[in-house]
Amino acid sequence: MSLRNLNEWTVIAKEAFNGSFLVAKALCFLHVTKTYVFTVASLYGPSMLPTFNISGDLALAEKISHKLGKVGAGDIVLVTSPVEPRKIVTKRVIGVEGDTVTYVVDPQNSDRTETIVVPKGHIWVEGDNIYKSKDSRNFGAVSYGLLQGKMFWKAG
């Protein structure tokens, strides 16, 4: 192998290394952004009708304010399901710790209501479509630790 070939291979190797390093940095940036800053959520199902379509919507959820305790009644949040931990659900916050919440126990069969005080470190979440939603009425108040993000933008 001649010196000229060796120099050419050195240049090619340097360019390949620099290119792969740039790709690695971009992937790290995307990972950190998705894990700690915001994420894209694909929302589908009947529980949040009419806010979101049953066939699916795309939305962006930020992951900072809920860690700072900046989630309040009316916010739409992503929550790890307490009954199916592999599933992330989208619900509306009805009450935060210390709030008194009155809810209809079984809206399809009666008008019976119950009132609870949301425990410390928890939130009360419900779907906008109370007739087709599995939410705090079924599994109780949700721990703050299960919050995954707060919606800030919906596509469409």
N, C-alpha and C. Protein backbone atom coordinates (compact mmCIF):
# COMPACT_ATOMS: atom_id res chain seq x y z
N MET A 1 0.85 -1.17 0.00
CA MET A 1 0.00 0.00 0.00
C MET A 1 0.90 1.24 0.00
N SER A 2 0.58 2.13 -0.87
CA SER A 2 1.42 3.32 -0.99
C SER A 2 1.00 4.37 0.03
N LEU A 3 1.87 5.34 0.20
CA LEU A 3 1.62 6.43 1.15
C LEU A 3 0.38 7.23 0.72
N ARG A 4 0.21 7.38 -0.60
CA ARG A 4 -0.95 8.13 -1.11
C ARG A 4 -2.25 7.40 -0.74
N ASN A 5 -2.31 6.09 -0.89
CA ASN A 5 -3.49 5.30 -0.53
C ASN A 5 -3.77 5.38 0.97
N LEU A 6 -2.68 5.34 1.74
CA LEU A 6 -2.83 5.43 3.18
C LEU A 6 -3.43 6.77 3.59
N ASN A 7 -3.00 7.85 2.96
CA ASN A 7 -3.56 9.18 3.25
C ASN A 7 -5.03 9.26 2.86
N GLU A 8 -5.37 8.65 1.72
CA GLU A 8 -6.77 8.65 1.29
C GLU A 8 -7.64 7.90 2.29
N TRP A 9 -7.16 6.75 2.76
CA TRP A 9 -7.92 5.97 3.73
C TRP A 9 -8.03 6.70 5.07
N THR A 10 -7.02 7.43 5.43
CA THR A 10 -7.06 8.21 6.66
C THR A 10 -8.12 9.30 6.57
N VAL A 11 -8.20 9.97 5.43
CA VAL A 11 -9.21 11.01 5.23
C VAL A 11 -10.61 10.40 5.26
N ILE A 12 -10.78 9.28 4.61
CA ILE A 12 -12.09 8.60 4.60
C ILE A 12 -12.49 8.18 6.01
N ALA A 13 -11.55 7.63 6.76
CA ALA A 13 -11.83 7.19 8.13
C ALA A 13 -12.21 8.37 9.02
N LYS A 14 -11.51 9.50 8.86
CA LYS A 14 -11.82 10.69 9.65
C LYS A 14 -13.22 11.21 9.32
N GLU A 15 -13.58 11.23 8.03
CA GLU A 15 -14.90 11.70 7.62
C GLU A 15 -15.99 10.77 8.14
N ALA A 16 -15.74 9.47 8.09
CA ALA A 16 -16.72 8.50 8.61
C ALA A 16 -16.90 8.67 10.11
N PHE A 17 -15.80 8.85 10.83
CA PHE A 17 -15.87 9.05 12.27
C PHE A 17 -16.64 10.32 12.60
N ASN A 18 -16.33 11.40 11.91
CA ASN A 18 -17.02 12.67 12.17
C ASN A 18 -18.50 12.57 11.85
N GLY A 19 -18.84 11.90 10.76
CA GLY A 19 -20.25 11.72 10.39
C GLY A 19 -20.99 10.88 11.40
N SER A 20 -20.38 9.78 11.85
CA SER A 20 -21.06 8.93 12.84
C SER A 20 -21.16 9.63 14.19
N PHE A 21 -20.17 10.44 14.53
CA PHE A 21 -20.22 11.20 15.77
C PHE A 21 -21.37 12.22 15.73
N LEU A 22 -21.58 12.84 14.57
CA LEU A 22 -22.68 13.79 14.40
C LEU A 22 -24.03 13.08 14.54
N VAL A 23 -24.16 11.91 13.95
CA VAL A 23 -25.39 11.13 14.08
C VAL A 23 -25.63 10.74 15.54
N ALA A 24 -24.59 10.32 16.24
CA ALA A 24 -24.71 9.94 17.65
C ALA A 24 -25.16 11.13 18.49
N LYS A 25 -24.61 12.32 18.22
CA LYS A 25 -25.01 13.52 18.96
C LYS A 25 -26.48 13.85 18.69
N ALA A 26 -26.91 13.70 17.44
CA ALA A 26 -28.31 13.98 17.10
C ALA A 26 -29.24 13.01 17.80
N LEU A 27 -28.88 11.74 17.84
CA LEU A 27 -29.70 10.74 18.52
C LEU A 27 -29.76 11.00 20.02
N CYS A 28 -28.66 11.39 20.63
CA CYS A 28 -28.64 11.74 22.05
C CYS A 28 -29.54 12.94 22.32
N PHE A 29 -29.47 13.94 21.45
CA PHE A 29 -30.31 15.12 21.59
C PHE A 29 -31.79 14.74 21.52
N LEU A 30 -32.16 13.90 20.56
CA LEU A 30 -33.55 13.45 20.43
C LEU A 30 -34.00 12.67 21.67
N HIS A 31 -33.14 11.81 22.17
CA HIS A 31 -33.48 11.02 23.36
C HIS A 31 -33.72 11.92 24.57
N VAL A 32 -32.82 12.84 24.82
CA VAL A 32 -32.95 13.74 25.96
C VAL A 32 -34.20 14.61 25.81
N THR A 33 -34.45 15.10 24.60
CA THR A 33 -35.62 15.93 24.35
C THR A 33 -36.90 15.15 24.63
N LYS A 34 -37.01 13.93 24.09
CA LYS A 34 -38.21 13.11 24.27
C LYS A 34 -38.40 12.68 25.72
N THR A 35 -37.32 12.41 26.41
CA THR A 35 -37.41 11.93 27.79
C THR A 35 -37.69 13.04 28.79
N TYR A 36 -37.10 14.22 28.60
CA TYR A 36 -37.16 15.27 29.62
C TYR A 36 -37.85 16.56 29.21
N VAL A 37 -38.05 16.80 27.92
CA VAL A 37 -38.59 18.10 27.51
C VAL A 37 -40.02 17.98 26.97
N PHE A 38 -40.21 17.28 25.86
CA PHE A 38 -41.55 17.07 25.32
C PHE A 38 -41.59 15.79 24.50
N THR A 39 -42.81 15.32 24.26
CA THR A 39 -43.00 14.11 23.48
C THR A 39 -44.20 14.27 22.57
N VAL A 40 -44.22 13.51 21.51
CA VAL A 40 -45.36 13.47 20.61
C VAL A 40 -46.27 12.35 21.09
N ALA A 41 -47.55 12.63 21.20
CA ALA A 41 -48.51 11.63 21.66
C ALA A 41 -49.54 11.37 20.56
N SER A 42 -49.81 10.11 20.33
CA SER A 42 -50.86 9.70 19.40
C SER A 42 -52.07 9.32 20.25
N LEU A 43 -53.15 10.06 20.12
CA LEU A 43 -54.31 9.89 20.98
C LEU A 43 -55.46 9.28 20.19
N TYR A 44 -56.06 8.23 20.73
CA TYR A 44 -57.21 7.62 20.08
C TYR A 44 -58.10 6.98 21.13
N GLY A 45 -59.34 6.73 20.76
CA GLY A 45 -60.29 6.12 21.66
C GLY A 45 -61.39 7.09 22.06
N PRO A 46 -62.45 6.56 22.66
CA PRO A 46 -63.63 7.38 22.95
C PRO A 46 -63.57 8.19 24.24
N SER A 47 -62.60 7.95 25.11
CA SER A 47 -62.66 8.56 26.45
C SER A 47 -62.53 10.08 26.47
N MET A 48 -61.89 10.67 25.47
CA MET A 48 -61.72 12.13 25.48
C MET A 48 -62.56 12.84 24.41
N LEU A 49 -63.60 12.16 23.91
CA LEU A 49 -64.52 12.83 22.98
C LEU A 49 -65.23 13.96 23.72
N PRO A 50 -65.49 15.09 23.18
CA PRO A 50 -65.22 15.55 21.83
C PRO A 50 -63.87 16.27 21.67
N THR A 51 -63.08 16.34 22.74
CA THR A 51 -61.80 17.07 22.67
C THR A 51 -60.87 16.46 21.63
N PHE A 52 -60.78 15.13 21.62
CA PHE A 52 -59.94 14.42 20.65
C PHE A 52 -60.80 13.45 19.86
N ASN A 53 -60.44 13.24 18.60
CA ASN A 53 -61.18 12.33 17.73
C ASN A 53 -61.01 10.89 18.17
N ILE A 54 -62.02 10.09 17.95
CA ILE A 54 -61.97 8.68 18.32
C ILE A 54 -60.96 7.93 17.45
N SER A 55 -60.78 8.39 16.20
CA SER A 55 -59.87 7.70 15.27
C SER A 55 -58.42 8.12 15.45
N GLY A 56 -58.17 9.15 16.23
CA GLY A 56 -56.79 9.53 16.53
C GLY A 56 -56.43 10.96 16.22
N ASP A 57 -55.66 11.54 17.09
CA ASP A 57 -55.10 12.88 16.94
C ASP A 57 -53.65 12.83 17.38
N LEU A 58 -52.87 13.77 16.90
CA LEU A 58 -51.50 13.93 17.37
C LEU A 58 -51.44 15.18 18.26
N ALA A 59 -50.66 15.08 19.30
CA ALA A 59 -50.52 16.21 20.22
C ALA A 59 -49.11 16.23 20.77
N LEU A 60 -48.70 17.37 21.28
CA LEU A 60 -47.41 17.50 21.95
C LEU A 60 -47.67 17.68 23.44
N ALA A 61 -46.88 16.97 24.23
CA ALA A 61 -46.98 17.08 25.68
C ALA A 61 -45.61 17.47 26.22
N GLU A 62 -45.58 18.48 27.06
CA GLU A 62 -44.31 18.89 27.67
C GLU A 62 -44.15 18.15 28.99
N LYS A 63 -42.90 17.93 29.38
CA LYS A 63 -42.59 17.08 30.53
C LYS A 63 -41.91 17.83 31.67
N ILE A 64 -42.07 19.14 31.70
CA ILE A 64 -41.38 19.93 32.71
C ILE A 64 -42.33 20.43 33.80
N SER A 65 -43.45 21.03 33.40
CA SER A 65 -44.31 21.69 34.39
C SER A 65 -44.87 20.73 35.43
N HIS A 66 -45.18 19.50 35.06
CA HIS A 66 -45.73 18.59 36.08
C HIS A 66 -44.68 18.22 37.12
N LYS A 67 -43.40 18.27 36.74
CA LYS A 67 -42.35 18.01 37.73
C LYS A 67 -42.17 19.19 38.68
N LEU A 68 -42.63 20.35 38.26
CA LEU A 68 -42.55 21.54 39.09
C LEU A 68 -43.86 21.80 39.85
N GLY A 69 -44.81 20.86 39.73
CA GLY A 69 -46.09 21.02 40.42
C GLY A 69 -47.02 22.01 39.76
N LYS A 70 -46.85 22.25 38.48
CA LYS A 70 -47.64 23.23 37.75
C LYS A 70 -48.77 22.59 36.95
N VAL A 71 -49.44 21.60 37.53
CA VAL A 71 -50.59 20.97 36.89
C VAL A 71 -51.81 21.32 37.71
N GLY A 72 -52.86 21.77 37.03
CA GLY A 72 -54.06 22.17 37.74
C GLY A 72 -55.32 21.66 37.08
N ALA A 73 -56.43 21.90 37.71
CA ALA A 73 -57.71 21.49 37.18
C ALA A 73 -57.91 22.06 35.78
N GLY A 74 -58.39 21.22 34.88
CA GLY A 74 -58.63 21.62 33.50
C GLY A 74 -57.51 21.24 32.56
N ASP A 75 -56.32 20.97 33.06
CA ASP A 75 -55.21 20.56 32.20
C ASP A 75 -55.44 19.15 31.68
N ILE A 76 -54.98 18.90 30.46
CA ILE A 76 -55.03 17.55 29.89
C ILE A 76 -53.64 16.96 30.05
N VAL A 77 -53.58 15.76 30.62
CA VAL A 77 -52.29 15.16 30.96
C VAL A 77 -52.16 13.74 30.40
N LEU A 78 -50.92 13.32 30.26
CA LEU A 78 -50.59 11.93 29.96
C LEU A 78 -50.26 11.27 31.29
N VAL A 79 -50.87 10.12 31.55
CA VAL A 79 -50.69 9.42 32.81
C VAL A 79 -50.43 7.95 32.54
N THR A 80 -49.49 7.36 33.25
CA THR A 80 -49.33 5.91 33.20
C THR A 80 -50.54 5.31 33.90
N SER A 81 -51.23 4.41 33.22
CA SER A 81 -52.44 3.81 33.78
C SER A 81 -52.11 3.02 35.05
N PRO A 82 -52.81 3.29 36.15
CA PRO A 82 -52.58 2.54 37.38
C PRO A 82 -52.98 1.07 37.27
N VAL A 83 -53.89 0.75 36.35
CA VAL A 83 -54.35 -0.64 36.21
C VAL A 83 -53.64 -1.39 35.09
N GLU A 84 -53.08 -0.66 34.11
CA GLU A 84 -52.30 -1.26 33.02
C GLU A 84 -51.01 -0.46 32.87
N PRO A 85 -49.98 -0.79 33.66
CA PRO A 85 -48.77 0.04 33.69
C PRO A 85 -48.03 0.22 32.36
N ARG A 86 -48.29 -0.62 31.39
CA ARG A 86 -47.65 -0.45 30.07
C ARG A 86 -48.39 0.52 29.18
N LYS A 87 -49.52 1.02 29.65
CA LYS A 87 -50.38 1.88 28.86
C LYS A 87 -50.33 3.31 29.38
N ILE A 88 -50.21 4.26 28.46
CA ILE A 88 -50.27 5.69 28.79
C ILE A 88 -51.64 6.19 28.36
N VAL A 89 -52.37 6.83 29.27
CA VAL A 89 -53.70 7.32 28.95
C VAL A 89 -53.72 8.85 29.01
N THR A 90 -54.67 9.42 28.30
CA THR A 90 -54.85 10.87 28.26
C THR A 90 -56.14 11.21 29.00
N LYS A 91 -56.05 12.07 30.00
CA LYS A 91 -57.22 12.45 30.79
C LYS A 91 -57.13 13.93 31.17
N ARG A 92 -58.26 14.45 31.64
CA ARG A 92 -58.31 15.84 32.11
C ARG A 92 -58.21 15.85 33.64
N VAL A 93 -57.41 16.76 34.17
CA VAL A 93 -57.29 16.90 35.62
C VAL A 93 -58.55 17.59 36.14
N ILE A 94 -59.21 16.94 37.10
CA ILE A 94 -60.42 17.49 37.70
C ILE A 94 -60.08 18.13 39.05
N GLY A 95 -59.12 17.54 39.76
CA GLY A 95 -58.73 18.10 41.05
C GLY A 95 -57.31 17.69 41.41
N VAL A 96 -56.66 18.53 42.19
CA VAL A 96 -55.31 18.26 42.68
C VAL A 96 -55.39 18.05 44.19
N GLU A 97 -54.27 17.71 44.80
CA GLU A 97 -54.28 17.38 46.23
C GLU A 97 -54.98 18.47 47.05
N GLY A 98 -55.85 17.99 47.94
CA GLY A 98 -56.59 18.90 48.81
C GLY A 98 -57.92 19.36 48.25
N ASP A 99 -58.14 19.20 46.94
CA ASP A 99 -59.42 19.61 46.33
C ASP A 99 -60.52 18.63 46.70
N THR A 100 -61.73 19.14 46.80
CA THR A 100 -62.90 18.30 46.99
C THR A 100 -63.52 18.07 45.62
N VAL A 101 -63.71 16.80 45.28
CA VAL A 101 -64.24 16.44 43.96
C VAL A 101 -65.53 15.64 44.16
N THR A 102 -66.58 16.06 43.47
CA THR A 102 -67.84 15.31 43.45
C THR A 102 -67.98 14.72 42.05
N TYR A 103 -68.21 13.42 42.00
CA TYR A 103 -68.30 12.74 40.70
C TYR A 103 -69.48 11.78 40.68
N VAL A 104 -69.96 11.50 39.46
CA VAL A 104 -71.03 10.53 39.26
C VAL A 104 -70.39 9.15 39.24
N VAL A 105 -70.83 8.27 40.13
CA VAL A 105 -70.21 6.96 40.29
C VAL A 105 -70.38 6.10 39.05
N ASP A 106 -71.60 5.95 38.55
CA ASP A 106 -71.89 5.12 37.38
C ASP A 106 -72.85 5.87 36.47
N PRO A 107 -72.34 6.75 35.61
CA PRO A 107 -73.21 7.64 34.84
C PRO A 107 -74.17 6.91 33.89
N GLN A 108 -73.88 5.68 33.49
CA GLN A 108 -74.76 4.97 32.57
C GLN A 108 -75.99 4.41 33.28
N ASN A 109 -75.88 4.17 34.60
CA ASN A 109 -76.97 3.49 35.29
C ASN A 109 -77.65 4.31 36.40
N SER A 110 -77.02 5.38 36.86
CA SER A 110 -77.65 6.16 37.93
C SER A 110 -77.05 7.56 38.00
N ASP A 111 -77.68 8.38 38.83
CA ASP A 111 -77.18 9.74 39.06
C ASP A 111 -76.48 9.85 40.41
N ARG A 112 -76.21 8.72 41.05
CA ARG A 112 -75.59 8.71 42.38
C ARG A 112 -74.20 9.33 42.33
N THR A 113 -73.93 10.23 43.25
CA THR A 113 -72.63 10.90 43.30
C THR A 113 -71.91 10.57 44.60
N GLU A 114 -70.62 10.73 44.55
CA GLU A 114 -69.78 10.62 45.75
C GLU A 114 -68.85 11.82 45.76
N THR A 115 -68.42 12.19 46.95
CA THR A 115 -67.49 13.31 47.11
C THR A 115 -66.26 12.80 47.84
N ILE A 116 -65.10 13.17 47.33
CA ILE A 116 -63.84 12.78 47.97
C ILE A 116 -62.93 14.00 48.05
N VAL A 117 -61.95 13.92 48.92
CA VAL A 117 -60.88 14.92 48.98
C VAL A 117 -59.65 14.24 48.39
N VAL A 118 -59.06 14.88 47.37
CA VAL A 118 -57.91 14.30 46.70
C VAL A 118 -56.74 14.25 47.68
N PRO A 119 -56.16 13.04 47.88
CA PRO A 119 -55.06 12.90 48.85
C PRO A 119 -53.79 13.65 48.43
N LYS A 120 -52.95 13.91 49.39
CA LYS A 120 -51.66 14.57 49.14
C LYS A 120 -50.85 13.74 48.15
N GLY A 121 -50.24 14.43 47.18
CA GLY A 121 -49.40 13.75 46.19
C GLY A 121 -50.16 13.06 45.07
N HIS A 122 -51.46 13.38 44.94
CA HIS A 122 -52.30 12.74 43.94
C HIS A 122 -53.10 13.77 43.15
N ILE A 123 -53.64 13.32 42.03
CA ILE A 123 -54.57 14.13 41.23
C ILE A 123 -55.78 13.26 40.90
N TRP A 124 -56.89 13.90 40.59
CA TRP A 124 -58.10 13.20 40.17
C TRP A 124 -58.27 13.49 38.69
N VAL A 125 -58.33 12.43 37.87
CA VAL A 125 -58.44 12.60 36.42
C VAL A 125 -59.69 11.90 35.90
N GLU A 126 -60.29 12.50 34.89
CA GLU A 126 -61.45 11.91 34.22
C GLU A 126 -61.36 12.19 32.74
N GLY A 127 -61.96 11.29 31.96
CA GLY A 127 -62.09 11.52 30.53
C GLY A 127 -63.23 12.49 30.28
N ASP A 128 -63.18 13.21 29.17
CA ASP A 128 -64.25 14.16 28.85
C ASP A 128 -65.56 13.44 28.54
N ASN A 129 -65.48 12.22 28.04
CA ASN A 129 -66.66 11.41 27.74
C ASN A 129 -66.87 10.44 28.91
N ILE A 130 -67.59 10.87 29.94
CA ILE A 130 -67.69 10.06 31.17
C ILE A 130 -68.38 8.73 30.94
N TYR A 131 -69.10 8.58 29.84
CA TYR A 131 -69.79 7.32 29.58
C TYR A 131 -68.86 6.24 29.03
N LYS A 132 -67.72 6.63 28.49
CA LYS A 132 -66.79 5.67 27.89
C LYS A 132 -65.36 5.87 28.37
N SER A 133 -65.19 6.18 29.64
CA SER A 133 -63.86 6.46 30.14
C SER A 133 -63.55 5.66 31.39
N LYS A 134 -62.38 5.04 31.39
CA LYS A 134 -61.84 4.40 32.60
C LYS A 134 -60.90 5.43 33.21
N ASP A 135 -61.26 5.92 34.40
CA ASP A 135 -60.50 7.01 34.98
C ASP A 135 -60.53 6.93 36.50
N SER A 136 -60.32 8.02 37.18
CA SER A 136 -60.26 8.02 38.64
C SER A 136 -61.54 7.52 39.28
N ARG A 137 -62.65 7.61 38.57
CA ARG A 137 -63.89 7.06 39.10
C ARG A 137 -63.78 5.54 39.26
N ASN A 138 -62.93 4.91 38.45
CA ASN A 138 -62.73 3.46 38.50
C ASN A 138 -61.55 3.06 39.37
N PHE A 139 -60.43 3.81 39.26
CA PHE A 139 -59.21 3.39 39.97
C PHE A 139 -58.73 4.36 41.03
N GLY A 140 -59.49 5.39 41.32
CA GLY A 140 -59.14 6.32 42.38
C GLY A 140 -58.16 7.39 41.94
N ALA A 141 -57.73 8.17 42.90
CA ALA A 141 -56.79 9.26 42.62
C ALA A 141 -55.47 8.68 42.11
N VAL A 142 -54.82 9.42 41.23
CA VAL A 142 -53.59 8.97 40.59
C VAL A 142 -52.39 9.67 41.24
N SER A 143 -51.39 8.89 41.57
CA SER A 143 -50.17 9.44 42.16
C SER A 143 -49.49 10.39 41.18
N TYR A 144 -48.94 11.47 41.72
CA TYR A 144 -48.20 12.43 40.91
C TYR A 144 -47.06 11.76 40.15
N GLY A 145 -46.50 10.70 40.72
CA GLY A 145 -45.40 9.98 40.07
C GLY A 145 -45.80 9.31 38.77
N LEU A 146 -47.09 9.12 38.52
CA LEU A 146 -47.54 8.50 37.27
C LEU A 146 -47.76 9.50 36.15
N LEU A 147 -47.66 10.79 36.47
CA LEU A 147 -47.79 11.82 35.42
C LEU A 147 -46.63 11.73 34.45
N GLN A 148 -46.94 11.76 33.16
CA GLN A 148 -45.91 11.68 32.13
C GLN A 148 -45.75 12.99 31.36
N GLY A 149 -46.74 13.83 31.38
CA GLY A 149 -46.64 15.09 30.65
C GLY A 149 -47.95 15.83 30.64
N LYS A 150 -47.89 17.08 30.20
CA LYS A 150 -49.07 17.95 30.11
C LYS A 150 -49.19 18.43 28.67
N MET A 151 -50.38 18.26 28.10
CA MET A 151 -50.62 18.64 26.71
C MET A 151 -50.49 20.16 26.55
N PHE A 152 -49.85 20.55 25.44
CA PHE A 152 -49.82 21.99 25.15
C PHE A 152 -50.15 22.31 23.71
N TRP A 153 -50.28 21.27 22.85
CA TRP A 153 -50.61 21.55 21.46
C TRP A 153 -51.25 20.32 20.83
N LYS A 154 -52.32 20.55 20.08
CA LYS A 154 -53.02 19.47 19.37
C LYS A 154 -52.99 19.77 17.88
N ALA A 155 -52.62 18.78 17.10
CA ALA A 155 -52.59 18.93 15.64
C ALA A 155 -54.00 18.79 15.11
N GLY A 156 -54.39 19.70 14.24
CA GLY A 156 -55.71 19.59 13.60
C GLY A 156 -56.72 20.19 14.39
